[in-house]
Amino acid sequence: MNFFKEKCPHCKEILQLKNNPDSKSIIIKECPAGHYQKEFHPALETYIESHKVS
């Protein structure tokens, strides 16, 4: 069991790193099923979490 892997709060799948060609500094991880997305903005030193509304 790895406690350092981030998981989707909805389906518990491990978040995958998303390719972001617009900005190399912003790190985006998302659920493979599209339920959840988490962005890290180093300049702001903050995370932004997004949930898919169904």
Protein backbone atom coordinates (compact mmCIF):
# COMPACT_ATOMS: atom_id res chain seq x y z
CA MET A 1 0.00 0.00 0.00
CA ASN A 2 1.39 3.40 -0.98
CA PHE A 3 0.13 6.36 1.06
CA PHE A 4 1.76 8.92 -1.26
CA LYS A 5 -0.37 8.21 -4.33
CA GLU A 6 -3.23 10.68 -4.70
CA LYS A 7 -6.61 9.13 -5.42
CA CYS A 8 -9.96 10.31 -6.76
CA PRO A 9 -12.36 10.90 -3.85
CA HIS A 10 -15.24 9.49 -5.95
CA CYS A 11 -13.91 6.23 -7.45
CA LYS A 12 -10.58 5.82 -5.56
CA GLU A 13 -8.57 5.46 -8.80
CA ILE A 14 -5.00 6.80 -8.73
CA LEU A 15 -4.73 10.28 -10.29
CA GLN A 16 -2.80 10.47 -13.56
CA LEU A 17 -0.48 13.30 -14.58
CA LYS A 18 -2.03 15.32 -17.40
CA ASN A 19 0.11 16.83 -20.17
CA ASN A 20 -0.18 20.64 -19.96
CA PRO A 21 1.43 22.23 -23.06
CA ASP A 22 0.25 25.75 -22.10
CA SER A 23 2.22 25.96 -18.88
CA LYS A 24 5.16 23.84 -17.78
CA SER A 25 4.99 25.10 -14.18
CA ILE A 26 1.36 24.14 -13.42
CA ILE A 27 1.02 20.47 -12.50
CA ILE A 28 -2.34 18.89 -13.29
CA LYS A 29 -3.43 15.45 -12.09
CA GLU A 30 -6.78 13.97 -13.00
CA CYS A 31 -8.93 10.91 -12.47
CA PRO A 32 -8.79 8.50 -15.45
CA ALA A 33 -12.62 8.47 -15.46
CA GLY A 34 -12.82 12.29 -15.36
CA HIS A 35 -14.48 12.64 -11.95
CA TYR A 36 -11.83 14.83 -10.32
CA GLN A 37 -8.93 17.14 -11.20
CA LYS A 38 -6.24 18.67 -8.99
CA GLU A 39 -3.95 21.51 -10.12
CA PHE A 40 -0.85 22.79 -8.33
CA HIS A 41 0.13 26.41 -9.00
CA PRO A 42 3.69 26.96 -7.71
CA ALA A 43 3.59 30.75 -8.07
CA LEU A 44 0.53 30.88 -5.80
CA GLU A 45 1.68 27.92 -3.68
CA THR A 46 -1.83 26.49 -3.76
CA TYR A 47 -3.94 23.62 -5.07
CA ILE A 48 -7.19 23.97 -7.01
CA GLU A 49 -9.51 20.95 -6.92
CA SER A 50 -12.35 20.42 -9.41
CA HIS A 51 -15.14 17.85 -9.22
CA LYS A 52 -17.23 16.78 -12.21
CA VAL A 53 -20.90 17.49 -11.65
CA SER A 54 -23.19 14.80 -13.05
